PDB file of N, CA and C in Angstrom:
ATOM      1  N   UNK A   1     -18.669  -3.600  18.733  1.00  0.00           N
ATOM      2  CA  UNK A   1     -18.316  -2.741  17.430  1.00  0.00           C
ATOM      3  C   UNK A   1     -18.657  -1.424  17.551  1.00  0.00           C
ATOM      4  N   UNK A   2     -17.845  -0.237  16.802  1.00  0.00           N
ATOM      5  CA  UNK A   2     -18.065   0.967  17.142  1.00  0.00           C
ATOM      6  C   UNK A   2     -18.931   1.223  16.249  1.00  0.00           C
ATOM      7  N   UNK A   3     -19.576   2.569  16.171  1.00  0.00           N
ATOM      8  CA  UNK A   3     -20.403   3.543  15.175  1.00  0.00           C
ATOM      9  C   UNK A   3     -19.854   4.317  14.679  1.00  0.00           C
ATOM     10  N   UNK A   4     -19.955   4.746  13.276  1.00  0.00           N
ATOM     11  CA  UNK A   4     -18.989   5.964  13.024  1.00  0.00           C
ATOM     12  C   UNK A   4     -20.371   6.933  12.100  1.00  0.00           C
ATOM     13  N   UNK A   5     -20.021   7.915  12.144  1.00  0.00           N
ATOM     14  CA  UNK A   5     -20.848   9.001  11.723  1.00  0.00           C
ATOM     15  C   UNK A   5     -20.032   9.486  10.256  1.00  0.00           C
ATOM     16  N   UNK A   6     -20.628   9.558   8.938  1.00  0.00           N
ATOM     17  CA  UNK A   6     -20.179   9.880   8.106  1.00  0.00           C
ATOM     18  C   UNK A   6     -20.815  10.711   7.457  1.00  0.00           C
ATOM     19  N   UNK A   7     -20.110  11.927   6.718  1.00  0.00           N
ATOM     20  CA  UNK A   7     -21.381  12.914   5.813  1.00  0.00           C
ATOM     21  C   UNK A   7     -20.684  12.796   4.517  1.00  0.00           C
ATOM     22  N   UNK A   8     -21.551  12.493   3.547  1.00  0.00           N
ATOM     23  CA  UNK A   8     -21.243  12.644   2.298  1.00  0.00           C
ATOM     24  C   UNK A   8     -22.333  13.211   1.315  1.00  0.00           C
ATOM     25  N   UNK A   9     -21.742  13.854   0.209  1.00  0.00           N
ATOM     26  CA  UNK A   9     -22.635  14.486  -0.502  1.00  0.00           C
ATOM     27  C   UNK A   9     -23.780  13.743  -0.867  1.00  0.00           C
ATOM     28  N   UNK A  10     -25.230  14.294  -1.579  1.00  0.00           N
ATOM     29  CA  UNK A  10     -26.350  13.358  -1.201  1.00  0.00           C
ATOM     30  C   UNK A  10     -26.008  12.885  -2.896  1.00  0.00           C
ATOM     31  N   UNK A  11     -25.152  12.579  -3.741  1.00  0.00           N
ATOM     32  CA  UNK A  11     -25.186  11.787  -5.035  1.00  0.00           C
ATOM     33  C   UNK A  11     -24.509  10.895  -4.623  1.00  0.00           C
ATOM     34  N   UNK A  12     -23.208  10.947  -3.842  1.00  0.00           N
ATOM     35  CA  UNK A  12     -22.398   9.697  -3.239  1.00  0.00           C
ATOM     36  C   UNK A  12     -23.214   8.897  -2.697  1.00  0.00           C
ATOM     37  N   UNK A  13     -24.313   8.944  -1.744  1.00  0.00           N
ATOM     38  CA  UNK A  13     -24.988   8.703  -0.911  1.00  0.00           C
ATOM     39  C   UNK A  13     -25.991   7.715  -2.166  1.00  0.00           C
ATOM     40  N   UNK A  14     -26.725   8.418  -2.942  1.00  0.00           N
ATOM     41  CA  UNK A  14     -27.770   7.736  -3.769  1.00  0.00           C
ATOM     42  C   UNK A  14     -26.856   6.427  -4.479  1.00  0.00           C
ATOM     43  N   UNK A  15     -25.298   6.905  -5.018  1.00  0.00           N
ATOM     44  CA  UNK A  15     -25.148   6.068  -5.654  1.00  0.00           C
ATOM     45  C   UNK A  15     -24.426   4.751  -5.210  1.00  0.00           C
ATOM     46  N   UNK A  16     -23.753   5.275  -3.664  1.00  0.00           N
ATOM     47  CA  UNK A  16     -23.425   3.760  -2.609  1.00  0.00           C
ATOM     48  C   UNK A  16     -24.851   2.872  -2.529  1.00  0.00           C
ATOM     49  N   UNK A  17     -25.882   3.452  -1.997  1.00  0.00           N
ATOM     50  CA  UNK A  17     -26.638   2.760  -1.999  1.00  0.00           C
ATOM     51  C   UNK A  17     -27.467   1.943  -3.278  1.00  0.00           C
ATOM     52  N   UNK A  18     -27.266   2.205  -4.169  1.00  0.00           N
ATOM     53  CA  UNK A  18     -27.347   1.592  -5.598  1.00  0.00           C
ATOM     54  C   UNK A  18     -26.393   0.343  -5.692  1.00  0.00           C
ATOM     55  N   UNK A  19     -25.026   0.777  -5.624  1.00  0.00           N
ATOM     56  CA  UNK A  19     -23.908  -0.221  -5.404  1.00  0.00           C
ATOM     57  C   UNK A  19     -24.230  -1.186  -4.708  1.00  0.00           C
ATOM     58  N   UNK A  20     -25.001  -0.816  -3.314  1.00  0.00           N
ATOM     59  CA  UNK A  20     -25.066  -2.005  -2.283  1.00  0.00           C
ATOM     60  C   UNK A  20     -26.320  -2.692  -2.800  1.00  0.00           C
ATOM     61  N   UNK A  21     -27.015  -1.958  -3.294  1.00  0.00           N
ATOM     62  CA  UNK A  21     -28.345  -3.267  -3.681  1.00  0.00           C
ATOM     63  C   UNK A  21     -28.364  -3.881  -4.938  1.00  0.00           C
ATOM     64  N   UNK A  22     -27.260  -3.306  -5.681  1.00  0.00           N
ATOM     65  CA  UNK A  22     -27.141  -4.215  -6.739  1.00  0.00           C
ATOM     66  C   UNK A  22     -25.984  -5.739  -6.384  1.00  0.00           C
ATOM     67  N   UNK A  23     -25.352  -5.355  -5.231  1.00  0.00           N
ATOM     68  CA  UNK A  23     -24.557  -6.365  -4.339  1.00  0.00           C
ATOM     69  C   UNK A  23     -25.152  -6.974  -3.580  1.00  0.00           C
ATOM     70  N   UNK A  24     -26.399  -6.601  -3.689  1.00  0.00           N
ATOM     71  CA  UNK A  24     -27.359  -7.817  -2.233  1.00  0.00           C
ATOM     72  C   UNK A  24     -26.700  -7.488  -0.951  1.00  0.00           C
ATOM     73  N   UNK A  25     -26.294  -6.171  -0.566  1.00  0.00           N
ATOM     74  CA  UNK A  25     -25.906  -6.059   0.750  1.00  0.00           C
ATOM     75  C   UNK A  25     -26.249  -4.826   0.962  1.00  0.00           C
ATOM     76  N   UNK A  26     -25.591  -4.304   2.310  1.00  0.00           N
ATOM     77  CA  UNK A  26     -26.296  -3.080   2.526  1.00  0.00           C
ATOM     78  C   UNK A  26     -25.329  -1.991   2.575  1.00  0.00           C
ATOM     79  N   UNK A  27     -25.446  -0.887   2.711  1.00  0.00           N
ATOM     80  CA  UNK A  27     -24.554   0.129   2.784  1.00  0.00           C
ATOM     81  C   UNK A  27     -23.564  -0.132   3.597  1.00  0.00           C
ATOM     82  N   UNK A  28     -23.823  -0.303   4.867  1.00  0.00           N
ATOM     83  CA  UNK A  28     -23.022  -0.439   6.179  1.00  0.00           C
ATOM     84  C   UNK A  28     -21.659  -1.541   5.888  1.00  0.00           C
ATOM     85  N   UNK A  29     -22.431  -2.906   5.066  1.00  0.00           N
ATOM     86  CA  UNK A  29     -21.490  -3.810   4.872  1.00  0.00           C
ATOM     87  C   UNK A  29     -20.589  -3.243   3.992  1.00  0.00           C
ATOM     88  N   UNK A  30     -20.916  -2.857   2.668  1.00  0.00           N
ATOM     89  CA  UNK A  30     -20.007  -2.010   2.181  1.00  0.00           C
ATOM     90  C   UNK A  30     -18.655  -1.273   2.630  1.00  0.00           C
ATOM     91  N   UNK A  31     -19.258  -0.357   3.475  1.00  0.00           N
ATOM     92  CA  UNK A  31     -18.195   0.504   3.903  1.00  0.00           C
ATOM     93  C   UNK A  31     -17.443  -0.651   5.076  1.00  0.00           C
ATOM     94  N   UNK A  32     -17.535  -1.548   5.493  1.00  0.00           N
ATOM     95  CA  UNK A  32     -16.920  -2.241   6.459  1.00  0.00           C
ATOM     96  C   UNK A  32     -16.104  -2.911   5.554  1.00  0.00           C
ATOM     97  N   UNK A  33     -16.269  -3.438   4.678  1.00  0.00           N
ATOM     98  CA  UNK A  33     -15.536  -4.245   3.519  1.00  0.00           C
ATOM     99  C   UNK A  33     -14.565  -3.297   3.006  1.00  0.00           C
ATOM    100  N   UNK A  34     -14.940  -2.122   3.047  1.00  0.00           N
ATOM    101  CA  UNK A  34     -13.822  -1.028   2.161  1.00  0.00           C
ATOM    102  C   UNK A  34     -13.077  -0.562   3.182  1.00  0.00           C
ATOM    103  N   UNK A  35     -13.355  -0.227   4.654  1.00  0.00           N
ATOM    104  CA  UNK A  35     -12.641  -0.313   5.640  1.00  0.00           C
ATOM    105  C   UNK A  35     -11.558  -1.365   5.906  1.00  0.00           C
ATOM    106  N   UNK A  36     -11.995  -2.951   5.957  1.00  0.00           N
ATOM    107  CA  UNK A  36     -11.273  -3.998   6.080  1.00  0.00           C
ATOM    108  C   UNK A  36      -9.841  -4.080   5.057  1.00  0.00           C
ATOM    109  N   UNK A  37     -10.448  -3.715   4.185  1.00  0.00           N
ATOM    110  CA  UNK A  37      -9.281  -3.891   2.832  1.00  0.00           C
ATOM    111  C   UNK A  37      -8.119  -2.818   3.029  1.00  0.00           C
ATOM    112  N   UNK A  38      -8.521  -1.336   3.427  1.00  0.00           N
ATOM    113  CA  UNK A  38      -7.915  -0.261   3.281  1.00  0.00           C
ATOM    114  C   UNK A  38      -7.028  -0.752   4.617  1.00  0.00           C
ATOM    115  N   UNK A  39      -7.707  -1.361   5.961  1.00  0.00           N
ATOM    116  CA  UNK A  39      -6.687  -1.600   7.049  1.00  0.00           C
ATOM    117  C   UNK A  39      -5.697  -2.476   6.455  1.00  0.00           C
ATOM    118  N   UNK A  40      -5.881  -3.597   5.872  1.00  0.00           N
ATOM    119  CA  UNK A  40      -5.027  -4.622   5.074  1.00  0.00           C
ATOM    120  C   UNK A  40      -4.125  -3.933   4.298  1.00  0.00           C
ATOM    121  N   UNK A  41      -4.249  -2.954   3.640  1.00  0.00           N
ATOM    122  CA  UNK A  41      -3.296  -2.119   2.878  1.00  0.00           C
ATOM    123  C   UNK A  41      -2.098  -1.684   4.031  1.00  0.00           C
ATOM    124  N   UNK A  42      -2.512  -1.317   4.556  1.00  0.00           N
ATOM    125  CA  UNK A  42      -1.978  -0.722   5.529  1.00  0.00           C
ATOM    126  C   UNK A  42      -1.075  -1.187   6.237  1.00  0.00           C
ATOM    127  N   UNK A  43      -1.464  -2.641   6.874  1.00  0.00           N
ATOM    128  CA  UNK A  43      -0.747  -3.629   7.334  1.00  0.00           C
ATOM    129  C   UNK A  43       0.244  -4.097   6.381  1.00  0.00           C
ATOM    130  N   UNK A  44       0.291  -4.079   5.183  1.00  0.00           N
ATOM    131  CA  UNK A  44       0.944  -4.702   4.543  1.00  0.00           C
ATOM    132  C   UNK A  44       2.409  -3.668   4.016  1.00  0.00           C
ATOM    133  N   UNK A  45       1.825  -2.235   3.913  1.00  0.00           N
ATOM    134  CA  UNK A  45       2.324  -0.778   3.658  1.00  0.00           C
ATOM    135  C   UNK A  45       3.754  -0.995   4.813  1.00  0.00           C
ATOM    136  N   UNK A  46       3.202  -1.425   6.060  1.00  0.00           N
ATOM    137  CA  UNK A  46       3.591  -1.048   7.386  1.00  0.00           C
ATOM    138  C   UNK A  46       4.773  -2.445   7.350  1.00  0.00           C
ATOM    139  N   UNK A  47       4.671  -3.764   6.927  1.00  0.00           N
ATOM    140  CA  UNK A  47       5.321  -4.617   6.597  1.00  0.00           C
ATOM    141  C   UNK A  47       6.617  -4.676   5.771  1.00  0.00           C
ATOM    142  N   UNK A  48       6.140  -4.195   4.500  1.00  0.00           N
ATOM    143  CA  UNK A  48       7.057  -3.292   3.789  1.00  0.00           C
ATOM    144  C   UNK A  48       8.218  -2.577   3.983  1.00  0.00           C
ATOM    145  N   UNK A  49       7.608  -1.469   4.842  1.00  0.00           N
ATOM    146  CA  UNK A  49       8.076  -0.407   5.427  1.00  0.00           C
ATOM    147  C   UNK A  49       9.545  -1.025   6.300  1.00  0.00           C
ATOM    148  N   UNK A  50       9.196  -1.825   7.136  1.00  0.00           N
ATOM    149  CA  UNK A  50      10.048  -2.317   8.040  1.00  0.00           C
ATOM    150  C   UNK A  50      11.199  -3.040   7.546  1.00  0.00           C
ATOM    151  N   UNK A  51      10.687  -4.057   6.518  1.00  0.00           N
ATOM    152  CA  UNK A  51      11.612  -4.571   5.803  1.00  0.00           C
ATOM    153  C   UNK A  51      12.341  -3.898   5.027  1.00  0.00           C
ATOM    154  N   UNK A  52      11.809  -2.773   4.414  1.00  0.00           N
ATOM    155  CA  UNK A  52      12.860  -1.494   3.730  1.00  0.00           C
ATOM    156  C   UNK A  52      14.159  -1.431   4.717  1.00  0.00           C
ATOM    157  N   UNK A  53      13.250  -0.856   5.724  1.00  0.00           N
ATOM    158  CA  UNK A  53      14.530  -0.705   7.010  1.00  0.00           C
ATOM    159  C   UNK A  53      15.492  -1.670   7.342  1.00  0.00           C
ATOM    160  N   UNK A  54      15.036  -3.230   7.510  1.00  0.00           N
ATOM    161  CA  UNK A  54      16.135  -4.107   7.749  1.00  0.00           C
ATOM    162  C   UNK A  54      17.006  -4.358   6.784  1.00  0.00           C
ATOM    163  N   UNK A  55      16.545  -4.438   5.353  1.00  0.00           N
ATOM    164  CA  UNK A  55      17.625  -4.366   4.093  1.00  0.00           C
ATOM    165  C   UNK A  55      18.420  -3.410   4.385  1.00  0.00           C
ATOM    166  N   UNK A  56      17.891  -2.006   4.393  1.00  0.00           N
ATOM    167  CA  UNK A  56      18.904  -0.531   4.374  1.00  0.00           C
ATOM    168  C   UNK A  56      20.074  -0.706   5.691  1.00  0.00           C
ATOM    169  N   UNK A  57      19.570  -1.306   6.946  1.00  0.00           N
ATOM    170  CA  UNK A  57      20.729  -1.421   8.200  1.00  0.00           C
ATOM    171  C   UNK A  57      21.501  -2.575   7.615  1.00  0.00           C
ATOM    172  N   UNK A  58      20.904  -3.559   7.260  1.00  0.00           N
ATOM    173  CA  UNK A  58      22.132  -4.718   6.696  1.00  0.00           C
ATOM    174  C   UNK A  58      23.210  -4.154   5.284  1.00  0.00           C
ATOM    175  N   UNK A  59      23.373  -3.405   4.648  1.00  0.00           N
ATOM    176  CA  UNK A  59      23.643  -2.538   3.905  1.00  0.00           C
ATOM    177  C   UNK A  59      24.924  -2.275   4.279  1.00  0.00           C
ATOM    178  N   UNK A  60      25.088  -1.494   5.303  1.00  0.00           N
ATOM    179  CA  UNK A  60      26.118  -1.036   5.920  1.00  0.00           C
ATOM    180  C   UNK A  60      26.376   0.639   5.460  1.00  0.00           C
ATOM    181  N   UNK A  61      27.658   1.109   4.955  1.00  0.00           N
ATOM    182  CA  UNK A  61      28.034   2.294   4.893  1.00  0.00           C
ATOM    183  C   UNK A  61      28.186   2.356   3.102  1.00  0.00           C
ATOM    184  N   UNK A  62      27.591   3.104   2.724  1.00  0.00           N
ATOM    185  CA  UNK A  62      27.533   3.009   0.765  1.00  0.00           C
ATOM    186  C   UNK A  62      28.708   4.753   1.109  1.00  0.00           C
ATOM    187  N   UNK A  63      29.421   3.999  -0.162  1.00  0.00           N
ATOM    188  CA  UNK A  63      29.885   5.588  -0.779  1.00  0.00           C
ATOM    189  C   UNK A  63      30.075   5.213  -2.269  1.00  0.00           C
ATOM    190  N   UNK A  64      29.970   6.360  -2.409  1.00  0.00           N
ATOM    191  CA  UNK A  64      29.768   6.546  -3.852  1.00  0.00           C
ATOM    192  C   UNK A  64      31.554   6.365  -4.696  1.00  0.00           C
ATOM    193  N   UNK A  65      32.447   6.369  -3.855  1.00  0.00           N
ATOM    194  CA  UNK A  65      33.647   5.929  -4.413  1.00  0.00           C
ATOM    195  C   UNK A  65      34.227   4.306  -4.398  1.00  0.00           C
ATOM    196  N   UNK A  66      32.971   3.804  -4.023  1.00  0.00           N
ATOM    197  CA  UNK A  66      33.309   2.536  -4.133  1.00  0.00           C
ATOM    198  C   UNK A  66      32.866   1.460  -5.460  1.00  0.00           C
ATOM    199  N   UNK A  67      31.956   2.505  -6.147  1.00  0.00           N
ATOM    200  CA  UNK A  67      31.483   2.357  -7.458  1.00  0.00           C
ATOM    201  C   UNK A  67      32.679   1.860  -8.245  1.00  0.00           C
ATOM    202  N   UNK A  68      32.224   0.782  -9.460  1.00  0.00           N
ATOM    203  CA  UNK A  68      32.986   0.436 -10.413  1.00  0.00           C
ATOM    204  C   UNK A  68      33.072   1.662 -11.198  1.00  0.00           C
ATOM    205  N   UNK A  69      34.214   1.378 -12.166  1.00  0.00           N
ATOM    206  CA  UNK A  69      34.275   2.419 -13.307  1.00  0.00           C
ATOM    207  C   UNK A  69      33.449   1.932 -14.290  1.00  0.00           C
ATOM    208  N   UNK A  70      33.078   2.202 -15.667  1.00  0.00           N
ATOM    209  CA  UNK A  70      32.348   1.797 -16.460  1.00  0.00           C
ATOM    210  C   UNK A  70      33.326   0.971 -17.080  1.00  0.00           C
ATOM    211  N   UNK A  71      34.329   0.793 -17.393  1.00  0.00           N
ATOM    212  CA  UNK A  71      35.506  -0.178 -17.828  1.00  0.00           C
ATOM    213  C   UNK A  71      35.082  -1.561 -17.144  1.00  0.00           C
ATOM    214  N   UNK A  72      35.417  -1.163 -16.110  1.00  0.00           N
ATOM    215  CA  UNK A  72      35.306  -2.339 -14.974  1.00  0.00           C
ATOM    216  C   UNK A  72      34.061  -3.117 -15.527  1.00  0.00           C
ATOM    217  N   UNK A  73      32.715  -2.361 -15.323  1.00  0.00           N
ATOM    218  CA  UNK A  73      31.569  -3.201 -15.252  1.00  0.00           C
ATOM    219  C   UNK A  73      31.559  -3.906 -16.844  1.00  0.00           C
ATOM    220  N   UNK A  74      31.796  -3.323 -17.346  1.00  0.00           N
ATOM    221  CA  UNK A  74      31.678  -4.154 -18.725  1.00  0.00           C
ATOM    222  C   UNK A  74      32.725  -5.001 -19.457  1.00  0.00           C
ATOM    223  N   UNK A  75      33.891  -5.119 -18.580  1.00  0.00           N
ATOM    224  CA  UNK A  75      34.864  -6.065 -18.394  1.00  0.00           C
ATOM    225  C   UNK A  75      34.359  -7.120 -17.723  1.00  0.00           C
ATOM    226  N   UNK A  76      33.502  -6.909 -16.651  1.00  0.00           N
ATOM    227  CA  UNK A  76      33.012  -8.140 -15.766  1.00  0.00           C
ATOM    228  C   UNK A  76      31.470  -8.732 -16.610  1.00  0.00           C
ATOM    229  N   UNK A  77      31.095  -8.028 -17.489  1.00  0.00           N
ATOM    230  CA  UNK A  77      29.534  -8.438 -18.021  1.00  0.00           C
ATOM    231  C   UNK A  77      30.479  -9.493 -18.991  1.00  0.00           C
ATOM    232  N   UNK A  78      31.556  -9.445 -19.486  1.00  0.00           N
ATOM    233  CA  UNK A  78      31.921  -9.876 -20.766  1.00  0.00           C
ATOM    234  C   UNK A  78      32.609 -11.347 -19.945  1.00  0.00           C
ATOM    235  N   UNK A  79      33.036 -11.480 -19.174  1.00  0.00           N
ATOM    236  CA  UNK A  79      33.965 -12.669 -18.580  1.00  0.00           C
ATOM    237  C   UNK A  79      32.729 -13.615 -17.863  1.00  0.00           C
TER     238      UNK A  79
END
């Protein structure tokens, strides 16, 4: 386990201590919980970013000239 040192304003420290006491836990446990959630979000972001790159690679070449015209779009929607 690693120790970290964080400097926060006095009012933030007091409010965090109160929040920890209300949750019947320690300030360290609150920080660990927050960092774990943050890490999980980063993992999810990386997963989604990778998925985005895979999908974009499968699209191939996109050309604006390949778009359907307005009339073609409406004709296709009616059928």
